[in-house]
Amino acid sequence: MKRFYVFKDGRMEGSTATRERAIDMIRLYQERETHPILRAEFSMIEGGQEFVPYPFRQKTPRKKSGMER
């Protein structure tokens, strides 16, 4: 699944499914900027999202103690 990740000053702000939505998100953040000198830098990265499940753990059989009864 392809995603577009939006970054503001190097910190991830969110992700969207389309490039147009990512640009809309950036424009929305830019509208909220209040000081003209302290403007944030925005970037966008296109990438894939993959979920990695936990590995299946099998219980190892317990070894019997060395002493016999």
PDB file of N, CA and C in Angstrom:
ATOM      1  N   MET A   1       0.840  -1.167   0.000  1.00  0.00           N
ATOM      2  CA  MET A   1       0.000   0.000   0.000  1.00  0.00           C
ATOM      3  C   MET A   1       0.893   1.240   0.000  1.00  0.00           C
ATOM      4  N   LYS A   2       0.724   2.094  -0.967  1.00  0.00           N
ATOM      5  CA  LYS A   2       1.536   3.295  -1.095  1.00  0.00           C
ATOM      6  C   LYS A   2       0.976   4.406  -0.210  1.00  0.00           C
ATOM      7  N   ARG A   3       1.866   5.094   0.516  1.00  0.00           N
ATOM      8  CA  ARG A   3       1.467   6.197   1.392  1.00  0.00           C
ATOM      9  C   ARG A   3       2.377   7.385   1.129  1.00  0.00           C
ATOM     10  N   PHE A   4       1.900   8.572   1.462  1.00  0.00           N
ATOM     11  CA  PHE A   4       2.681   9.802   1.373  1.00  0.00           C
ATOM     12  C   PHE A   4       2.790  10.359   2.788  1.00  0.00           C
ATOM     13  N   TYR A   5       4.018  10.460   3.262  1.00  0.00           N
ATOM     14  CA  TYR A   5       4.286  10.894   4.626  1.00  0.00           C
ATOM     15  C   TYR A   5       4.685  12.356   4.624  1.00  0.00           C
ATOM     16  N   VAL A   6       4.042  13.166   5.478  1.00  0.00           N
ATOM     17  CA  VAL A   6       4.277  14.606   5.550  1.00  0.00           C
ATOM     18  C   VAL A   6       5.125  14.901   6.778  1.00  0.00           C
ATOM     19  N   PHE A   7       6.195  15.668   6.563  1.00  0.00           N
ATOM     20  CA  PHE A   7       7.110  16.033   7.637  1.00  0.00           C
ATOM     21  C   PHE A   7       7.139  17.546   7.789  1.00  0.00           C
ATOM     22  N   LYS A   8       7.173  17.997   9.038  1.00  0.00           N
ATOM     23  CA  LYS A   8       7.291  19.418   9.364  1.00  0.00           C
ATOM     24  C   LYS A   8       8.540  19.563  10.218  1.00  0.00           C
ATOM     25  N   ASP A   9       9.529  20.269   9.700  1.00  0.00           N
ATOM     26  CA  ASP A   9      10.819  20.448  10.385  1.00  0.00           C
ATOM     27  C   ASP A   9      11.435  19.113  10.794  1.00  0.00           C
ATOM     28  N   GLY A  10      11.341  18.121   9.924  1.00  0.00           N
ATOM     29  CA  GLY A  10      11.961  16.828  10.176  1.00  0.00           C
ATOM     30  C   GLY A  10      11.175  15.884  11.059  1.00  0.00           C
ATOM     31  N   ARG A  11       9.993  16.294  11.500  1.00  0.00           N
ATOM     32  CA  ARG A  11       9.161  15.451  12.352  1.00  0.00           C
ATOM     33  C   ARG A  11       7.897  15.060  11.587  1.00  0.00           C
ATOM     34  N   MET A  12       7.544  13.778  11.631  1.00  0.00           N
ATOM     35  CA  MET A  12       6.381  13.331  10.870  1.00  0.00           C
ATOM     36  C   MET A  12       5.093  13.883  11.475  1.00  0.00           C
ATOM     37  N   GLU A  13       4.281  14.485  10.616  1.00  0.00           N
ATOM     38  CA  GLU A  13       3.003  15.056  11.047  1.00  0.00           C
ATOM     39  C   GLU A  13       1.827  14.154  10.690  1.00  0.00           C
ATOM     40  N   GLY A  14       1.972  13.361   9.636  1.00  0.00           N
ATOM     41  CA  GLY A  14       0.876  12.482   9.251  1.00  0.00           C
ATOM     42  C   GLY A  14       1.149  11.802   7.930  1.00  0.00           C
ATOM     43  N   SER A  15       0.206  10.988   7.495  1.00  0.00           N
ATOM     44  CA  SER A  15       0.340  10.307   6.213  1.00  0.00           C
ATOM     45  C   SER A  15      -1.015  10.282   5.526  1.00  0.00           C
ATOM     46  N   THR A  16      -0.960  10.237   4.194  1.00  0.00           N
ATOM     47  CA  THR A  16      -2.181  10.207   3.396  1.00  0.00           C
ATOM     48  C   THR A  16      -2.036   9.161   2.299  1.00  0.00           C
ATOM     49  N   ALA A  17      -3.147   8.854   1.658  1.00  0.00           N
ATOM     50  CA  ALA A  17      -3.145   7.840   0.606  1.00  0.00           C
ATOM     51  C   ALA A  17      -2.777   8.415  -0.758  1.00  0.00           C
ATOM     52  N   THR A  18      -2.973   9.717  -0.957  1.00  0.00           N
ATOM     53  CA  THR A  18      -2.677  10.317  -2.259  1.00  0.00           C
ATOM     54  C   THR A  18      -1.763  11.524  -2.099  1.00  0.00           C
ATOM     55  N   ARG A  19      -1.059  11.844  -3.187  1.00  0.00           N
ATOM     56  CA  ARG A  19      -0.145  12.984  -3.193  1.00  0.00           C
ATOM     57  C   ARG A  19      -0.920  14.299  -3.023  1.00  0.00           C
ATOM     58  N   GLU A  20      -2.079  14.379  -3.646  1.00  0.00           N
ATOM     59  CA  GLU A  20      -2.880  15.602  -3.567  1.00  0.00           C
ATOM     60  C   GLU A  20      -3.318  15.883  -2.129  1.00  0.00           C
ATOM     61  N   ARG A  21      -3.698  14.846  -1.397  1.00  0.00           N
ATOM     62  CA  ARG A  21      -4.084  15.021   0.014  1.00  0.00           C
ATOM     63  C   ARG A  21      -2.894  15.458   0.862  1.00  0.00           C
ATOM     64  N   ALA A  22      -1.718  14.922   0.549  1.00  0.00           N
ATOM     65  CA  ALA A  22      -0.516  15.317   1.293  1.00  0.00           C
ATOM     66  C   ALA A  22      -0.211  16.799   1.066  1.00  0.00           C
ATOM     67  N   ILE A  23      -0.349  17.253  -0.170  1.00  0.00           N
ATOM     68  CA  ILE A  23      -0.127  18.676  -0.464  1.00  0.00           C
ATOM     69  C   ILE A  23      -1.181  19.524   0.225  1.00  0.00           C
ATOM     70  N   ASP A  24      -2.439  19.061   0.252  1.00  0.00           N
ATOM     71  CA  ASP A  24      -3.496  19.783   0.969  1.00  0.00           C
ATOM     72  C   ASP A  24      -3.165  19.892   2.459  1.00  0.00           C
ATOM     73  N   MET A  25      -2.618  18.810   3.037  1.00  0.00           N
ATOM     74  CA  MET A  25      -2.244  18.833   4.447  1.00  0.00           C
ATOM     75  C   MET A  25      -1.134  19.855   4.691  1.00  0.00           C
ATOM     76  N   ILE A  26      -0.154  19.886   3.795  1.00  0.00           N
ATOM     77  CA  ILE A  26       0.939  20.850   3.928  1.00  0.00           C
ATOM     78  C   ILE A  26       0.414  22.268   3.821  1.00  0.00           C
ATOM     79  N   ARG A  27      -0.461  22.520   2.856  1.00  0.00           N
ATOM     80  CA  ARG A  27      -1.044  23.875   2.689  1.00  0.00           C
ATOM     81  C   ARG A  27      -1.832  24.295   3.933  1.00  0.00           C
ATOM     82  N   LEU A  28      -2.536  23.347   4.544  1.00  0.00           N
ATOM     83  CA  LEU A  28      -3.295  23.653   5.762  1.00  0.00           C
ATOM     84  C   LEU A  28      -2.354  24.051   6.895  1.00  0.00           C
ATOM     85  N   TYR A  29      -1.251  23.310   7.064  1.00  0.00           N
ATOM     86  CA  TYR A  29      -0.268  23.675   8.084  1.00  0.00           C
ATOM     87  C   TYR A  29       0.373  25.026   7.769  1.00  0.00           C
ATOM     88  N   GLN A  30       0.626  25.306   6.493  1.00  0.00           N
ATOM     89  CA  GLN A  30       1.244  26.580   6.116  1.00  0.00           C
ATOM     90  C   GLN A  30       0.312  27.755   6.393  1.00  0.00           C
ATOM     91  N   GLU A  31      -0.992  27.553   6.231  1.00  0.00           N
ATOM     92  CA  GLU A  31      -1.953  28.619   6.533  1.00  0.00           C
ATOM     93  C   GLU A  31      -1.950  28.982   8.009  1.00  0.00           C
ATOM     94  N   ARG A  32      -1.630  28.024   8.867  1.00  0.00           N
ATOM     95  CA  ARG A  32      -1.643  28.255  10.318  1.00  0.00           C
ATOM     96  C   ARG A  32      -0.369  28.929  10.830  1.00  0.00           C
ATOM     97  N   GLU A  33       0.642  29.060   9.968  1.00  0.00           N
ATOM     98  CA  GLU A  33       1.884  29.729  10.378  1.00  0.00           C
ATOM     99  C   GLU A  33       1.572  31.190  10.702  1.00  0.00           C
ATOM    100  N   THR A  34       2.089  31.669  11.824  1.00  0.00           N
ATOM    101  CA  THR A  34       1.755  33.022  12.253  1.00  0.00           C
ATOM    102  C   THR A  34       2.892  34.019  12.061  1.00  0.00           C
ATOM    103  N   HIS A  35       4.126  33.567  12.198  1.00  0.00           N
ATOM    104  CA  HIS A  35       5.257  34.488  12.115  1.00  0.00           C
ATOM    105  C   HIS A  35       5.981  34.294  10.781  1.00  0.00           C
ATOM    106  N   PRO A  36       6.169  35.357   9.999  1.00  0.00           N
ATOM    107  CA  PRO A  36       6.776  35.200   8.667  1.00  0.00           C
ATOM    108  C   PRO A  36       8.245  34.762   8.705  1.00  0.00           C
ATOM    109  N   ILE A  37       8.952  35.057   9.771  1.00  0.00           N
ATOM    110  CA  ILE A  37      10.369  34.687   9.831  1.00  0.00           C
ATOM    111  C   ILE A  37      10.539  33.255  10.331  1.00  0.00           C
ATOM    112  N   LEU A  38       9.672  32.812  11.220  1.00  0.00           N
ATOM    113  CA  LEU A  38       9.794  31.493  11.830  1.00  0.00           C
ATOM    114  C   LEU A  38       8.966  30.440  11.091  1.00  0.00           C
ATOM    115  N   ARG A  39       9.045  30.436   9.793  1.00  0.00           N
ATOM    116  CA  ARG A  39       8.278  29.468   9.009  1.00  0.00           C
ATOM    117  C   ARG A  39       8.910  28.085   9.095  1.00  0.00           C
ATOM    118  N   ALA A  40       8.060  27.086   9.134  1.00  0.00           N
ATOM    119  CA  ALA A  40       8.523  25.701   9.196  1.00  0.00           C
ATOM    120  C   ALA A  40       8.868  25.214   7.785  1.00  0.00           C
ATOM    121  N   GLU A  41       9.689  24.186   7.741  1.00  0.00           N
ATOM    122  CA  GLU A  41      10.039  23.555   6.467  1.00  0.00           C
ATOM    123  C   GLU A  41       9.267  22.257   6.342  1.00  0.00           C
ATOM    124  N   PHE A  42       8.561  22.097   5.230  1.00  0.00           N
ATOM    125  CA  PHE A  42       7.733  20.912   5.011  1.00  0.00           C
ATOM    126  C   PHE A  42       8.342  20.047   3.920  1.00  0.00           C
ATOM    127  N   SER A  43       8.203  18.738   4.096  1.00  0.00           N
ATOM    128  CA  SER A  43       8.647  17.797   3.079  1.00  0.00           C
ATOM    129  C   SER A  43       7.679  16.620   3.039  1.00  0.00           C
ATOM    130  N   MET A  44       7.797  15.858   1.951  1.00  0.00           N
ATOM    131  CA  MET A  44       6.889  14.740   1.741  1.00  0.00           C
ATOM    132  C   MET A  44       7.703  13.570   1.211  1.00  0.00           C
ATOM    133  N   ILE A  45       7.438  12.380   1.711  1.00  0.00           N
ATOM    134  CA  ILE A  45       8.113  11.173   1.257  1.00  0.00           C
ATOM    135  C   ILE A  45       7.069  10.167   0.814  1.00  0.00           C
ATOM    136  N   GLU A  46       7.297   9.590  -0.358  1.00  0.00           N
ATOM    137  CA  GLU A  46       6.417   8.537  -0.856  1.00  0.00           C
ATOM    138  C   GLU A  46       7.021   7.198  -0.457  1.00  0.00           C
ATOM    139  N   GLY A  47       6.208   6.358   0.131  1.00  0.00           N
ATOM    140  CA  GLY A  47       6.727   5.057   0.561  1.00  0.00           C
ATOM    141  C   GLY A  47       5.622   4.050   0.746  1.00  0.00           C
ATOM    142  N   GLY A  48       6.017   2.883   1.148  1.00  0.00           N
ATOM    143  CA  GLY A  48       5.064   1.809   1.369  1.00  0.00           C
ATOM    144  C   GLY A  48       4.899   1.535   2.850  1.00  0.00           C
ATOM    145  N   GLN A  49       3.731   1.096   3.207  1.00  0.00           N
ATOM    146  CA  GLN A  49       3.446   0.759   4.593  1.00  0.00           C
ATOM    147  C   GLN A  49       3.298  -0.750   4.678  1.00  0.00           C
ATOM    148  N   GLU A  50       4.026  -1.344   5.580  1.00  0.00           N
ATOM    149  CA  GLU A  50       3.997  -2.798   5.736  1.00  0.00           C
ATOM    150  C   GLU A  50       3.908  -3.135   7.216  1.00  0.00           C
ATOM    151  N   PHE A  51       2.994  -4.007   7.563  1.00  0.00           N
ATOM    152  CA  PHE A  51       2.826  -4.429   8.938  1.00  0.00           C
ATOM    153  C   PHE A  51       3.641  -5.700   9.154  1.00  0.00           C
ATOM    154  N   VAL A  52       4.413  -5.730  10.205  1.00  0.00           N
ATOM    155  CA  VAL A  52       5.263  -6.870  10.515  1.00  0.00           C
ATOM    156  C   VAL A  52       4.702  -7.550  11.767  1.00  0.00           C
ATOM    157  N   PRO A  53       4.191  -8.772  11.613  1.00  0.00           N
ATOM    158  CA  PRO A  53       3.622  -9.457  12.780  1.00  0.00           C
ATOM    159  C   PRO A  53       4.721  -9.987  13.694  1.00  0.00           C
ATOM    160  N   TYR A  54       4.349 -10.250  14.923  1.00  0.00           N
ATOM    161  CA  TYR A  54       5.278 -10.863  15.861  1.00  0.00           C
ATOM    162  C   TYR A  54       5.567 -12.285  15.398  1.00  0.00           C
ATOM    163  N   PRO A  55       6.790 -12.767  15.583  1.00  0.00           N
ATOM    164  CA  PRO A  55       7.080 -14.141  15.179  1.00  0.00           C
ATOM    165  C   PRO A  55       6.389 -15.138  16.096  1.00  0.00           C
ATOM    166  N   PHE A  56       6.057 -16.268  15.546  1.00  0.00           N
ATOM    167  CA  PHE A  56       5.396 -17.327  16.309  1.00  0.00           C
ATOM    168  C   PHE A  56       6.444 -18.009  17.170  1.00  0.00           C
ATOM    169  N   ARG A  57       6.198 -18.059  18.452  1.00  0.00           N
ATOM    170  CA  ARG A  57       7.152 -18.679  19.378  1.00  0.00           C
ATOM    171  C   ARG A  57       6.635 -20.029  19.802  1.00  0.00           C
ATOM    172  N   GLN A  58       7.424 -21.050  19.544  1.00  0.00           N
ATOM    173  CA  GLN A  58       7.064 -22.386  19.995  1.00  0.00           C
ATOM    174  C   GLN A  58       7.727 -22.620  21.336  1.00  0.00           C
ATOM    175  N   LYS A  59       7.003 -23.274  22.216  1.00  0.00           N
ATOM    176  CA  LYS A  59       7.578 -23.598  23.512  1.00  0.00           C
ATOM    177  C   LYS A  59       8.537 -24.768  23.330  1.00  0.00           C
ATOM    178  N   THR A  60       9.727 -24.621  23.864  1.00  0.00           N
ATOM    179  CA  THR A  60      10.691 -25.723  23.786  1.00  0.00           C
ATOM    180  C   THR A  60      10.408 -26.697  24.910  1.00  0.00           C
ATOM    181  N   PRO A  61      10.519 -27.979  24.624  1.00  0.00           N
ATOM    182  CA  PRO A  61      10.259 -28.961  25.690  1.00  0.00           C
ATOM    183  C   PRO A  61      11.313 -28.840  26.785  1.00  0.00           C
ATOM    184  N   ARG A  62      10.851 -28.962  28.011  1.00  0.00           N
ATOM    185  CA  ARG A  62      11.772 -28.862  29.145  1.00  0.00           C
ATOM    186  C   ARG A  62      12.622 -30.118  29.242  1.00  0.00           C
ATOM    187  N   LYS A  63      13.862 -29.903  29.557  1.00  0.00           N
ATOM    188  CA  LYS A  63      14.758 -31.054  29.739  1.00  0.00           C
ATOM    189  C   LYS A  63      14.591 -31.557  31.164  1.00  0.00           C
ATOM    190  N   LYS A  64      14.646 -32.852  31.291  1.00  0.00           N
ATOM    191  CA  LYS A  64      14.554 -33.443  32.614  1.00  0.00           C
ATOM    192  C   LYS A  64      15.891 -33.245  33.307  1.00  0.00           C
ATOM    193  N   SER A  65      15.862 -33.142  34.607  1.00  0.00           N
ATOM    194  CA  SER A  65      17.092 -32.955  35.346  1.00  0.00           C
ATOM    195  C   SER A  65      17.970 -34.186  35.221  1.00  0.00           C
ATOM    196  N   GLY A  66      19.275 -34.025  35.457  1.00  0.00           N
ATOM    197  CA  GLY A  66      20.240 -35.110  35.288  1.00  0.00           C
ATOM    198  C   GLY A  66      20.108 -36.209  36.320  1.00  0.00           C
ATOM    199  N   MET A  67      19.431 -35.937  37.414  1.00  0.00           N
ATOM    200  CA  MET A  67      19.317 -36.959  38.461  1.00  0.00           C
ATOM    201  C   MET A  67      18.161 -37.898  38.148  1.00  0.00           C
ATOM    202  N   GLU A  68      18.408 -39.160  38.319  1.00  0.00           N
ATOM    203  CA  GLU A  68      17.340 -40.147  38.150  1.00  0.00           C
ATOM    204  C   GLU A  68      16.810 -40.547  39.505  1.00  0.00           C
ATOM    205  N   ARG A  69      15.572 -40.885  39.580  1.00  0.00           N
ATOM    206  CA  ARG A  69      14.983 -41.303  40.849  1.00  0.00           C
ATOM    207  C   ARG A  69      14.853 -42.791  40.917  1.00  0.00           C
TER     208      ARG A  69
END
